[in-house]
N, C-alpha and C. Protein backbone atom coordinates (compact mmCIF):
# COMPACT_ATOMS: atom_id res chain seq x y z
N MET A 1 98.10 115.81 92.55
CA MET A 1 98.90 115.93 93.74
C MET A 1 100.32 116.32 93.31
N ASP A 2 100.82 117.39 93.87
CA ASP A 2 102.15 117.88 93.49
C ASP A 2 103.25 117.06 94.14
N ARG A 3 104.38 116.97 93.41
CA ARG A 3 105.57 116.31 93.96
C ARG A 3 106.03 117.12 95.17
N PRO A 4 106.31 116.44 96.28
CA PRO A 4 106.71 117.17 97.48
C PRO A 4 108.14 117.70 97.40
N ASP A 5 108.38 118.72 98.17
CA ASP A 5 109.72 119.27 98.34
C ASP A 5 110.43 118.40 99.37
N THR A 6 111.50 117.74 98.96
CA THR A 6 112.17 116.79 99.87
C THR A 6 112.87 117.48 101.04
N SER A 7 113.01 118.80 100.99
CA SER A 7 113.62 119.49 102.13
C SER A 7 112.65 119.58 103.30
N ALA A 8 111.39 119.23 103.06
CA ALA A 8 110.37 119.32 104.10
C ALA A 8 110.15 117.99 104.83
N CYS A 9 111.06 117.04 104.65
CA CYS A 9 110.94 115.76 105.36
C CYS A 9 112.34 115.28 105.73
N ALA A 10 112.41 114.23 106.52
CA ALA A 10 113.70 113.67 106.91
C ALA A 10 114.49 113.30 105.65
N PRO A 11 115.78 113.60 105.61
CA PRO A 11 116.59 113.34 104.41
C PRO A 11 116.52 111.90 103.92
N PHE A 12 116.35 110.96 104.83
CA PHE A 12 116.27 109.55 104.48
C PHE A 12 115.21 109.28 103.42
N TYR A 13 114.10 110.02 103.47
CA TYR A 13 112.99 109.76 102.56
C TYR A 13 113.22 110.30 101.15
N GLY A 14 114.18 111.20 100.99
CA GLY A 14 114.44 111.78 99.68
C GLY A 14 114.76 110.74 98.63
N ARG A 15 115.46 109.68 99.03
CA ARG A 15 115.82 108.64 98.06
C ARG A 15 114.59 107.90 97.55
N TYR A 16 113.58 107.76 98.37
CA TYR A 16 112.34 107.12 97.91
C TYR A 16 111.59 108.03 96.94
N ILE A 17 111.44 109.29 97.32
CA ILE A 17 110.70 110.24 96.48
C ILE A 17 111.37 110.37 95.12
N ALA A 18 112.70 110.35 95.09
CA ALA A 18 113.44 110.48 93.83
C ALA A 18 113.15 109.34 92.86
N LEU A 19 112.74 108.19 93.35
CA LEU A 19 112.45 107.04 92.49
C LEU A 19 111.10 107.15 91.78
N VAL A 20 110.25 108.04 92.24
CA VAL A 20 108.90 108.17 91.67
C VAL A 20 108.97 109.07 90.44
N ASP A 21 108.46 108.58 89.32
CA ASP A 21 108.52 109.38 88.08
C ASP A 21 107.47 110.48 88.09
N ASP A 22 107.32 111.16 86.97
CA ASP A 22 106.47 112.34 86.92
C ASP A 22 105.00 112.08 86.62
N GLU A 23 104.59 110.83 86.43
CA GLU A 23 103.16 110.58 86.23
C GLU A 23 102.45 110.80 87.56
N PRO A 24 101.15 111.00 87.55
CA PRO A 24 100.43 111.17 88.82
C PRO A 24 100.72 110.00 89.78
N VAL A 25 101.03 110.34 91.01
CA VAL A 25 101.49 109.33 91.96
C VAL A 25 100.42 108.26 92.22
N LEU A 26 99.15 108.63 92.17
CA LEU A 26 98.11 107.62 92.38
C LEU A 26 98.08 106.63 91.22
N ASP A 27 98.39 107.09 90.02
CA ASP A 27 98.51 106.18 88.88
C ASP A 27 99.68 105.23 89.09
N THR A 28 100.78 105.77 89.61
CA THR A 28 101.95 104.93 89.90
C THR A 28 101.59 103.86 90.92
N LEU A 29 100.91 104.25 91.99
CA LEU A 29 100.52 103.28 93.02
C LEU A 29 99.58 102.22 92.46
N GLU A 30 98.68 102.62 91.59
CA GLU A 30 97.75 101.67 90.97
C GLU A 30 98.52 100.66 90.11
N LYS A 31 99.43 101.14 89.29
CA LYS A 31 100.22 100.25 88.43
C LYS A 31 101.11 99.32 89.25
N LEU A 32 101.74 99.88 90.28
CA LEU A 32 102.61 99.07 91.13
C LEU A 32 101.83 97.98 91.85
N LYS A 33 100.61 98.29 92.25
CA LYS A 33 99.77 97.28 92.92
C LYS A 33 99.68 96.02 92.07
N ASP A 34 99.42 96.20 90.79
CA ASP A 34 99.26 95.06 89.90
C ASP A 34 100.60 94.44 89.50
N SER A 35 101.59 95.26 89.20
CA SER A 35 102.88 94.70 88.74
C SER A 35 103.62 93.98 89.86
N THR A 36 103.54 94.50 91.08
CA THR A 36 104.18 93.83 92.21
C THR A 36 103.47 92.52 92.51
N TYR A 37 102.16 92.54 92.48
CA TYR A 37 101.37 91.32 92.69
C TYR A 37 101.76 90.27 91.65
N GLU A 38 101.80 90.65 90.39
CA GLU A 38 102.15 89.71 89.31
C GLU A 38 103.58 89.21 89.46
N LEU A 39 104.50 90.07 89.85
CA LEU A 39 105.88 89.64 90.07
C LEU A 39 105.92 88.55 91.14
N PHE A 40 105.28 88.79 92.27
CA PHE A 40 105.30 87.79 93.34
C PHE A 40 104.65 86.48 92.89
N LEU A 41 103.57 86.56 92.13
CA LEU A 41 102.92 85.33 91.66
C LEU A 41 103.78 84.55 90.67
N SER A 42 104.69 85.22 90.00
CA SER A 42 105.52 84.56 88.98
C SER A 42 106.69 83.77 89.58
N LEU A 43 106.92 83.90 90.87
CA LEU A 43 108.10 83.28 91.49
C LEU A 43 107.79 81.88 92.01
N THR A 44 108.82 81.06 92.01
CA THR A 44 108.71 79.70 92.54
C THR A 44 108.82 79.72 94.06
N ASP A 45 108.48 78.60 94.69
CA ASP A 45 108.65 78.49 96.14
C ASP A 45 110.12 78.66 96.53
N GLU A 46 111.01 78.10 95.72
CA GLU A 46 112.44 78.23 95.99
C GLU A 46 112.86 79.70 95.98
N GLN A 47 112.40 80.43 94.99
CA GLN A 47 112.71 81.87 94.93
C GLN A 47 112.09 82.61 96.11
N ALA A 48 110.88 82.27 96.47
CA ALA A 48 110.17 82.95 97.56
C ALA A 48 110.90 82.82 98.89
N ASN A 49 111.61 81.71 99.07
CA ASN A 49 112.33 81.45 100.32
C ASN A 49 113.80 81.86 100.26
N TYR A 50 114.20 82.49 99.18
CA TYR A 50 115.60 82.86 98.97
C TYR A 50 115.94 84.20 99.63
N ALA A 51 117.09 84.23 100.29
CA ALA A 51 117.69 85.47 100.78
C ALA A 51 119.08 85.55 100.16
N TYR A 52 119.47 86.70 99.65
CA TYR A 52 120.72 86.81 98.90
C TYR A 52 121.96 86.79 99.77
N ALA A 53 121.80 86.94 101.09
CA ALA A 53 122.94 86.88 102.01
C ALA A 53 122.42 86.52 103.40
N GLU A 54 123.32 86.04 104.22
CA GLU A 54 123.00 85.72 105.61
C GLU A 54 122.48 86.98 106.30
N GLY A 55 121.37 86.85 107.01
CA GLY A 55 120.80 87.98 107.73
C GLY A 55 119.91 88.89 106.90
N LYS A 56 119.79 88.61 105.61
CA LYS A 56 118.90 89.40 104.75
C LYS A 56 117.55 88.71 104.67
N TRP A 57 116.54 89.48 104.35
CA TRP A 57 115.19 88.94 104.27
C TRP A 57 115.02 88.03 103.06
N THR A 58 114.12 87.06 103.21
CA THR A 58 113.69 86.27 102.05
C THR A 58 112.71 87.12 101.23
N ILE A 59 112.41 86.66 100.04
CA ILE A 59 111.43 87.38 99.23
C ILE A 59 110.07 87.40 99.93
N LYS A 60 109.72 86.32 100.62
CA LYS A 60 108.47 86.31 101.39
C LYS A 60 108.49 87.43 102.44
N GLU A 61 109.64 87.58 103.10
CA GLU A 61 109.74 88.62 104.13
C GLU A 61 109.70 90.02 103.52
N VAL A 62 110.28 90.18 102.34
CA VAL A 62 110.19 91.47 101.64
C VAL A 62 108.72 91.77 101.33
N ALA A 63 108.00 90.77 100.84
CA ALA A 63 106.57 90.96 100.54
C ALA A 63 105.81 91.35 101.80
N GLY A 64 106.08 90.67 102.90
CA GLY A 64 105.42 91.00 104.15
C GLY A 64 105.79 92.39 104.65
N HIS A 65 107.07 92.75 104.50
CA HIS A 65 107.52 94.09 104.89
C HIS A 65 106.80 95.16 104.07
N LEU A 66 106.64 94.92 102.78
CA LEU A 66 105.93 95.90 101.95
C LEU A 66 104.51 96.13 102.46
N THR A 67 103.85 95.07 102.90
CA THR A 67 102.50 95.21 103.43
C THR A 67 102.52 95.92 104.78
N ASP A 68 103.47 95.57 105.64
CA ASP A 68 103.61 96.28 106.93
C ASP A 68 103.82 97.77 106.70
N ALA A 69 104.73 98.10 105.79
CA ALA A 69 105.03 99.51 105.51
C ALA A 69 103.83 100.22 104.91
N GLU A 70 103.13 99.54 104.01
CA GLU A 70 101.92 100.10 103.39
C GLU A 70 100.91 100.47 104.47
N ARG A 71 100.71 99.58 105.42
CA ARG A 71 99.77 99.86 106.52
C ARG A 71 100.25 101.02 107.38
N THR A 72 101.55 101.05 107.64
CA THR A 72 102.11 102.12 108.47
C THR A 72 101.98 103.47 107.78
N PHE A 73 102.34 103.53 106.51
CA PHE A 73 102.19 104.78 105.76
C PHE A 73 100.72 105.21 105.72
N ALA A 74 99.83 104.26 105.51
CA ALA A 74 98.40 104.58 105.44
C ALA A 74 97.89 105.12 106.78
N TYR A 75 98.35 104.54 107.87
CA TYR A 75 97.91 105.03 109.18
C TYR A 75 98.41 106.45 109.41
N ARG A 76 99.64 106.72 109.01
CA ARG A 76 100.16 108.08 109.14
C ARG A 76 99.33 109.06 108.31
N ILE A 77 99.00 108.66 107.09
CA ILE A 77 98.18 109.51 106.23
C ILE A 77 96.82 109.76 106.88
N LEU A 78 96.18 108.72 107.35
CA LEU A 78 94.88 108.84 108.00
C LEU A 78 94.98 109.76 109.22
N ALA A 79 95.94 109.50 110.08
CA ALA A 79 96.06 110.25 111.33
C ALA A 79 96.35 111.73 111.08
N PHE A 80 97.33 112.01 110.23
CA PHE A 80 97.70 113.41 110.01
C PHE A 80 96.63 114.16 109.23
N SER A 81 95.95 113.48 108.31
CA SER A 81 94.89 114.15 107.55
C SER A 81 93.67 114.44 108.41
N ARG A 82 93.58 113.80 109.56
CA ARG A 82 92.45 114.00 110.48
C ARG A 82 92.86 114.79 111.72
N GLY A 83 94.05 115.39 111.68
CA GLY A 83 94.43 116.31 112.75
C GLY A 83 95.35 115.78 113.82
N GLN A 84 95.68 114.50 113.80
CA GLN A 84 96.62 114.00 114.80
C GLN A 84 97.99 114.60 114.51
N GLU A 85 98.73 114.92 115.55
CA GLU A 85 99.97 115.66 115.37
C GLU A 85 101.23 114.83 115.37
N GLU A 86 101.26 113.71 116.09
CA GLU A 86 102.52 112.96 116.18
C GLU A 86 102.26 111.47 116.31
N LEU A 87 103.10 110.70 115.63
CA LEU A 87 103.05 109.24 115.70
C LEU A 87 104.47 108.71 115.88
N PRO A 88 104.61 107.59 116.59
CA PRO A 88 105.93 107.00 116.74
C PRO A 88 106.39 106.33 115.45
N GLY A 89 107.66 106.04 115.38
CA GLY A 89 108.18 105.27 114.26
C GLY A 89 107.91 103.80 114.47
N PHE A 90 108.44 102.98 113.57
CA PHE A 90 108.33 101.54 113.76
C PHE A 90 109.64 100.90 113.33
N ASP A 91 109.97 99.81 113.97
CA ASP A 91 111.21 99.09 113.67
C ASP A 91 110.87 97.97 112.70
N GLU A 92 111.14 98.22 111.43
CA GLU A 92 110.74 97.26 110.39
C GLU A 92 111.40 95.90 110.58
N SER A 93 112.62 95.86 111.09
CA SER A 93 113.29 94.57 111.30
C SER A 93 112.60 93.76 112.38
N THR A 94 112.21 94.42 113.46
CA THR A 94 111.49 93.73 114.53
C THR A 94 110.13 93.25 114.02
N TYR A 95 109.45 94.08 113.25
CA TYR A 95 108.16 93.67 112.70
C TYR A 95 108.31 92.41 111.86
N VAL A 96 109.33 92.37 111.01
CA VAL A 96 109.54 91.18 110.17
C VAL A 96 109.91 89.98 111.03
N ASP A 97 110.80 90.19 112.01
CA ASP A 97 111.22 89.08 112.87
C ASP A 97 110.06 88.47 113.64
N LEU A 98 109.10 89.28 114.03
CA LEU A 98 107.98 88.80 114.84
C LEU A 98 106.79 88.33 114.00
N ALA A 99 106.89 88.45 112.70
CA ALA A 99 105.80 88.05 111.81
C ALA A 99 105.94 86.57 111.43
N THR A 100 104.95 86.08 110.71
CA THR A 100 104.94 84.68 110.27
C THR A 100 105.11 84.57 108.76
N PHE A 101 105.80 85.52 108.16
CA PHE A 101 105.89 85.57 106.70
C PHE A 101 106.52 84.31 106.10
N LYS A 102 107.53 83.76 106.75
CA LYS A 102 108.21 82.57 106.20
C LYS A 102 107.30 81.35 106.15
N SER A 103 106.30 81.29 107.02
CA SER A 103 105.41 80.12 107.04
C SER A 103 104.22 80.27 106.10
N ARG A 104 104.09 81.41 105.46
CA ARG A 104 102.97 81.64 104.54
C ARG A 104 103.43 81.44 103.10
N THR A 105 102.48 81.32 102.21
CA THR A 105 102.84 81.21 100.79
C THR A 105 103.01 82.61 100.21
N LEU A 106 103.85 82.71 99.20
CA LEU A 106 104.03 84.00 98.54
C LEU A 106 102.74 84.48 97.86
N PRO A 107 101.96 83.59 97.23
CA PRO A 107 100.68 84.07 96.67
C PRO A 107 99.75 84.67 97.74
N ASP A 108 99.75 84.10 98.94
CA ASP A 108 98.93 84.65 100.01
C ASP A 108 99.44 86.03 100.43
N LEU A 109 100.75 86.16 100.58
CA LEU A 109 101.34 87.45 100.94
C LEU A 109 101.09 88.49 99.84
N ALA A 110 101.18 88.06 98.59
CA ALA A 110 100.94 88.96 97.46
C ALA A 110 99.49 89.44 97.45
N ALA A 111 98.56 88.53 97.70
CA ALA A 111 97.14 88.90 97.72
C ALA A 111 96.85 89.88 98.85
N GLU A 112 97.49 89.67 100.00
CA GLU A 112 97.30 90.60 101.11
C GLU A 112 97.82 91.98 100.74
N PHE A 113 99.02 92.03 100.16
CA PHE A 113 99.57 93.32 99.74
C PHE A 113 98.61 94.03 98.78
N LYS A 114 98.14 93.31 97.79
CA LYS A 114 97.25 93.90 96.79
C LYS A 114 95.97 94.43 97.43
N ALA A 115 95.41 93.68 98.37
CA ALA A 115 94.18 94.11 99.05
C ALA A 115 94.41 95.36 99.89
N VAL A 116 95.52 95.41 100.60
CA VAL A 116 95.83 96.58 101.42
C VAL A 116 96.03 97.80 100.53
N ARG A 117 96.78 97.64 99.44
CA ARG A 117 96.99 98.76 98.52
C ARG A 117 95.67 99.24 97.93
N GLU A 118 94.82 98.30 97.54
CA GLU A 118 93.52 98.68 96.97
C GLU A 118 92.71 99.50 97.97
N ALA A 119 92.67 99.08 99.21
CA ALA A 119 91.95 99.84 100.24
C ALA A 119 92.58 101.22 100.42
N ASN A 120 93.90 101.27 100.41
CA ASN A 120 94.58 102.56 100.58
C ASN A 120 94.29 103.50 99.42
N LEU A 121 94.20 102.97 98.21
CA LEU A 121 93.89 103.82 97.06
C LEU A 121 92.52 104.49 97.21
N TYR A 122 91.55 103.78 97.76
CA TYR A 122 90.25 104.41 98.02
C TYR A 122 90.41 105.60 98.96
N MET A 123 91.17 105.41 100.03
CA MET A 123 91.40 106.50 100.99
C MET A 123 92.13 107.66 100.32
N LEU A 124 93.18 107.35 99.57
CA LEU A 124 93.99 108.40 98.96
C LEU A 124 93.20 109.22 97.95
N ARG A 125 92.36 108.57 97.17
CA ARG A 125 91.55 109.28 96.17
C ARG A 125 90.54 110.23 96.82
N ALA A 126 90.16 109.97 98.05
CA ALA A 126 89.16 110.78 98.74
C ALA A 126 89.75 111.97 99.51
N LEU A 127 91.06 112.05 99.60
CA LEU A 127 91.67 113.14 100.36
C LEU A 127 91.50 114.47 99.64
N THR A 128 91.22 115.50 100.41
CA THR A 128 91.11 116.86 99.86
C THR A 128 92.50 117.48 99.77
N GLU A 129 92.60 118.59 99.06
CA GLU A 129 93.88 119.31 98.99
C GLU A 129 94.33 119.73 100.39
N GLN A 130 93.39 120.14 101.21
CA GLN A 130 93.71 120.54 102.58
C GLN A 130 94.27 119.35 103.37
N GLN A 131 93.66 118.19 103.21
CA GLN A 131 94.15 117.00 103.92
C GLN A 131 95.52 116.59 103.41
N LEU A 132 95.75 116.69 102.10
CA LEU A 132 97.06 116.34 101.54
C LEU A 132 98.15 117.27 102.05
N ALA A 133 97.80 118.50 102.36
CA ALA A 133 98.77 119.47 102.86
C ALA A 133 98.99 119.37 104.37
N ALA A 134 98.14 118.61 105.05
CA ALA A 134 98.26 118.47 106.51
C ALA A 134 99.61 117.88 106.86
N THR A 135 100.11 118.27 108.01
CA THR A 135 101.41 117.76 108.46
C THR A 135 101.30 117.14 109.84
N GLY A 136 102.29 116.33 110.14
CA GLY A 136 102.41 115.72 111.45
C GLY A 136 103.87 115.37 111.68
N ILE A 137 104.12 114.71 112.78
CA ILE A 137 105.49 114.29 113.10
C ILE A 137 105.51 112.78 113.19
N ALA A 138 106.35 112.17 112.36
CA ALA A 138 106.54 110.71 112.36
C ALA A 138 108.03 110.44 112.53
N ASN A 139 108.36 109.52 113.39
CA ASN A 139 109.77 109.21 113.66
C ASN A 139 110.53 110.45 114.13
N GLY A 140 109.85 111.37 114.77
CA GLY A 140 110.49 112.57 115.27
C GLY A 140 110.73 113.65 114.24
N SER A 141 110.25 113.46 113.01
CA SER A 141 110.47 114.44 111.94
C SER A 141 109.15 114.91 111.36
N PRO A 142 109.04 116.20 111.05
CA PRO A 142 107.81 116.69 110.42
C PRO A 142 107.67 116.15 109.00
N ILE A 143 106.43 115.92 108.61
CA ILE A 143 106.16 115.39 107.27
C ILE A 143 104.73 115.73 106.88
N ALA A 144 104.52 115.98 105.59
CA ALA A 144 103.18 116.27 105.07
C ALA A 144 102.55 115.00 104.51
N VAL A 145 101.24 114.97 104.49
CA VAL A 145 100.51 113.81 103.99
C VAL A 145 100.90 113.50 102.55
N ASN A 146 100.95 114.51 101.67
CA ASN A 146 101.28 114.22 100.28
C ASN A 146 102.69 113.66 100.14
N THR A 147 103.58 114.03 101.04
CA THR A 147 104.94 113.47 101.02
C THR A 147 104.89 111.98 101.35
N ILE A 148 104.06 111.60 102.30
CA ILE A 148 103.94 110.19 102.66
C ILE A 148 103.41 109.38 101.48
N VAL A 149 102.51 109.96 100.70
CA VAL A 149 101.99 109.25 99.52
C VAL A 149 103.14 108.95 98.55
N TYR A 150 103.99 109.91 98.32
CA TYR A 150 105.14 109.69 97.44
C TYR A 150 106.12 108.69 98.04
N ILE A 151 106.32 108.75 99.34
CA ILE A 151 107.20 107.78 100.01
C ILE A 151 106.64 106.37 99.86
N MET A 152 105.33 106.23 99.96
CA MET A 152 104.69 104.93 99.79
C MET A 152 105.08 104.32 98.44
N ALA A 153 104.99 105.11 97.38
CA ALA A 153 105.35 104.62 96.04
C ALA A 153 106.85 104.38 95.94
N GLY A 154 107.65 105.32 96.41
CA GLY A 154 109.10 105.20 96.30
C GLY A 154 109.67 104.06 97.12
N HIS A 155 109.09 103.80 98.27
CA HIS A 155 109.53 102.68 99.11
C HIS A 155 109.34 101.37 98.37
N GLU A 156 108.20 101.21 97.74
CA GLU A 156 107.95 99.99 96.96
C GLU A 156 108.93 99.89 95.80
N LEU A 157 109.14 100.99 95.08
CA LEU A 157 110.09 100.99 93.96
C LEU A 157 111.50 100.64 94.42
N HIS A 158 111.89 101.14 95.58
CA HIS A 158 113.19 100.82 96.17
C HIS A 158 113.35 99.31 96.38
N HIS A 159 112.34 98.70 96.98
CA HIS A 159 112.43 97.25 97.24
C HIS A 159 112.34 96.43 95.96
N LEU A 160 111.57 96.88 94.99
CA LEU A 160 111.53 96.18 93.70
C LEU A 160 112.88 96.23 93.01
N LYS A 161 113.55 97.35 93.12
CA LYS A 161 114.89 97.51 92.54
C LYS A 161 115.86 96.51 93.19
N ILE A 162 115.80 96.39 94.50
CA ILE A 162 116.67 95.44 95.21
C ILE A 162 116.31 94.01 94.83
N LEU A 163 115.01 93.71 94.74
CA LEU A 163 114.60 92.35 94.34
C LEU A 163 115.20 91.99 92.98
N LYS A 164 115.11 92.89 92.04
CA LYS A 164 115.60 92.61 90.68
C LYS A 164 117.12 92.55 90.63
N LYS A 165 117.79 93.34 91.45
CA LYS A 165 119.26 93.40 91.42
C LYS A 165 119.92 92.26 92.21
N ARG A 166 119.34 91.90 93.35
CA ARG A 166 120.02 90.97 94.25
C ARG A 166 119.34 89.61 94.42
N TYR A 167 118.08 89.53 94.10
CA TYR A 167 117.35 88.28 94.30
C TYR A 167 117.06 87.54 93.00
N LEU A 168 116.73 88.27 91.98
CA LEU A 168 116.22 87.65 90.75
C LEU A 168 117.24 87.74 89.62
N VAL A 169 118.49 87.44 89.94
CA VAL A 169 119.56 87.49 88.93
C VAL A 169 119.95 86.10 88.49
């Protein structure tokens, strides 16, 4: 799967794509599935409930957000690869606010993330070149399926970077 041209998607996503290295993106997603899971399992309950500032998410909420985003990206990939033309955006803050992430354990949230990623990898491996090139409109902006795959990896890398910089210091 070729690295997407960031001029073909909303500028906001370019920062995620830039975080993805040059190895095959599916290999990156596979490695991240395991390393993110292991990172979450290594944290204490105190760390899991920590937010680095007032109004910021706890690590549990970050884990839940990663799973929400993973599902959202996967649905966009599924829909656009099967011919659907447009999907609405989602408000990640509202999704987190309305979820029950704080009342769950981090190991449970980590296991859910890992399971969702594993299912998504099966779907991604089965996509044809034609399906990867398919486009649709998400959040009012055109985007190709292969671009969403890179965003999926880059979004996770973005949040891992924040976790290491602001939460786990």
